[in-house]
C-alpha atoms as a PDB file:
ATOM      1  CA  MET A   1      47.102 -24.499 -28.814  1.00  0.00           C
ATOM      2  CA  ILE A   2      45.761 -27.547 -30.651  1.00  0.00           C
ATOM      3  CA  THR A   3      42.264 -26.798 -29.357  1.00  0.00           C
ATOM      4  CA  LYS A   4      42.473 -23.215 -30.580  1.00  0.00           C
ATOM      5  CA  LEU A   5      43.700 -24.349 -34.015  1.00  0.00           C
ATOM      6  CA  ALA A   6      40.929 -26.943 -34.263  1.00  0.00           C
ATOM      7  CA  ALA A   7      38.333 -24.342 -33.257  1.00  0.00           C
ATOM      8  CA  GLN A   8      39.612 -21.938 -35.904  1.00  0.00           C
ATOM      9  CA  ALA A   9      39.512 -24.678 -38.549  1.00  0.00           C
ATOM     10  CA  GLN A  10      35.950 -25.590 -37.578  1.00  0.00           C
ATOM     11  CA  HIS A  11      34.913 -21.929 -37.658  1.00  0.00           C
ATOM     12  CA  LEU A  12      36.409 -21.560 -41.141  1.00  0.00           C
ATOM     13  CA  LEU A  13      34.573 -24.643 -42.407  1.00  0.00           C
ATOM     14  CA  TRP A  14      31.228 -23.461 -40.983  1.00  0.00           C
ATOM     15  CA  THR A  15      31.749 -19.994 -42.455  1.00  0.00           C
ATOM     16  CA  LEU A  16      32.439 -21.460 -45.890  1.00  0.00           C
ATOM     17  CA  ARG A  17      29.447 -23.779 -45.601  1.00  0.00           C
ATOM     18  CA  LEU A  18      27.090 -20.983 -44.636  1.00  0.00           C
ATOM     19  CA  ARG A  19      28.362 -18.594 -47.324  1.00  0.00           C
ATOM     20  CA  LEU A  20      27.641 -21.129 -50.041  1.00  0.00           C
ATOM     21  CA  ARG A  21      23.995 -21.370 -48.921  1.00  0.00           C
ATOM     22  CA  LEU A  22      23.007 -17.711 -48.642  1.00  0.00           C
ATOM     23  CA  GLU A  23      20.635 -17.766 -51.607  1.00  0.00           C
ATOM     24  CA  PRO A  24      17.969 -20.324 -52.531  1.00  0.00           C
ATOM     25  CA  PHE A  25      18.860 -22.776 -55.271  1.00  0.00           C
ATOM     26  CA  ASP A  26      17.687 -21.979 -58.772  1.00  0.00           C
ATOM     27  CA  GLU A  27      16.085 -25.225 -59.946  1.00  0.00           C
ATOM     28  CA  ARG A  28      15.659 -24.011 -63.554  1.00  0.00           C
ATOM     29  CA  GLY A  29      19.279 -24.753 -64.417  1.00  0.00           C
ATOM     30  CA  GLY A  30      22.146 -22.489 -65.343  1.00  0.00           C
ATOM     31  CA  GLY A  31      23.143 -19.530 -63.199  1.00  0.00           C
ATOM     32  CA  ARG A  32      24.095 -20.375 -59.665  1.00  0.00           C
ATOM     33  CA  ASN A  33      23.626 -24.129 -59.977  1.00  0.00           C
ATOM     34  CA  SER A  34      26.006 -24.425 -62.906  1.00  0.00           C
ATOM     35  CA  ASP A  35      29.006 -23.939 -60.609  1.00  0.00           C
ATOM     36  CA  GLU A  36      27.615 -25.807 -57.600  1.00  0.00           C
ATOM     37  CA  GLY A  37      29.929 -28.755 -58.275  1.00  0.00           C
ATOM     38  CA  LEU A  38      32.905 -26.411 -58.298  1.00  0.00           C
ATOM     39  CA  HIS A  39      31.918 -25.043 -54.892  1.00  0.00           C
ATOM     40  CA  ILE A  40      31.495 -28.523 -53.459  1.00  0.00           C
ATOM     41  CA  GLY A  41      34.840 -29.610 -54.879  1.00  0.00           C
ATOM     42  CA  ALA A  42      36.626 -26.516 -53.597  1.00  0.00           C
ATOM     43  CA  GLY A  43      35.104 -27.008 -50.154  1.00  0.00           C
ATOM     44  CA  ALA A  44      36.295 -30.611 -50.108  1.00  0.00           C
ATOM     45  CA  VAL A  45      39.823 -29.568 -51.093  1.00  0.00           C
ATOM     46  CA  ILE A  46      39.906 -26.853 -48.421  1.00  0.00           C
ATOM     47  CA  ALA A  47      38.563 -29.219 -45.753  1.00  0.00           C
ATOM     48  CA  GLY A  48      41.100 -31.878 -46.742  1.00  0.00           C
ATOM     49  CA  THR A  49      43.954 -29.387 -46.630  1.00  0.00           C
ATOM     50  CA  ILE A  50      42.945 -28.229 -43.163  1.00  0.00           C
ATOM     51  CA  ALA A  51      42.564 -31.822 -41.929  1.00  0.00           C
ATOM     52  CA  VAL A  52      46.022 -32.770 -43.233  1.00  0.00           C
ATOM     53  CA  GLY A  53      47.592 -29.665 -41.710  1.00  0.00           C
ATOM     54  CA  VAL A  54      46.022 -30.224 -38.303  1.00  0.00           C
ATOM     55  CA  SER A  55      46.934 -33.928 -38.389  1.00  0.00           C
ATOM     56  CA  ALA A  56      50.544 -33.155 -39.284  1.00  0.00           C
ATOM     57  CA  PHE A  57      50.741 -30.547 -36.538  1.00  0.00           C
ATOM     58  CA  VAL A  58      49.400 -32.985 -33.931  1.00  0.00           C
ATOM     59  CA  ALA A  59      51.658 -35.806 -35.157  1.00  0.00           C
ATOM     60  CA  ASN A  60      54.668 -33.494 -34.992  1.00  0.00           C
ATOM     61  CA  LYS A  61      53.815 -32.435 -31.435  1.00  0.00           C
ATOM     62  CA  LEU A  62      53.485 -36.081 -30.430  1.00  0.00           C
ATOM     63  CA  GLY A  63      56.879 -36.832 -31.971  1.00  0.00           C
ATOM     64  CA  LEU A  64      55.508 -39.268 -34.541  1.00  0.00           C
ATOM     65  CA  LEU A  65      57.227 -37.537 -37.478  1.00  0.00           C
ATOM     66  CA  LYS A  66      60.764 -37.738 -36.084  1.00  0.00           C
END
């Protein structure tokens, strides 16, 4: 079950990463690049949340949280 959960988390991260890179970057400023930092930050928060959830799940299964 842990392997399946880890595979789903990895698939989600790759999907998010690919969706953020569908269009070429606009180097003139404004437009798409103006919210690039927001996308990077949101991706980091999502990745961190998934990592914490998976870690807690594994630690619970190993009995480390009891």
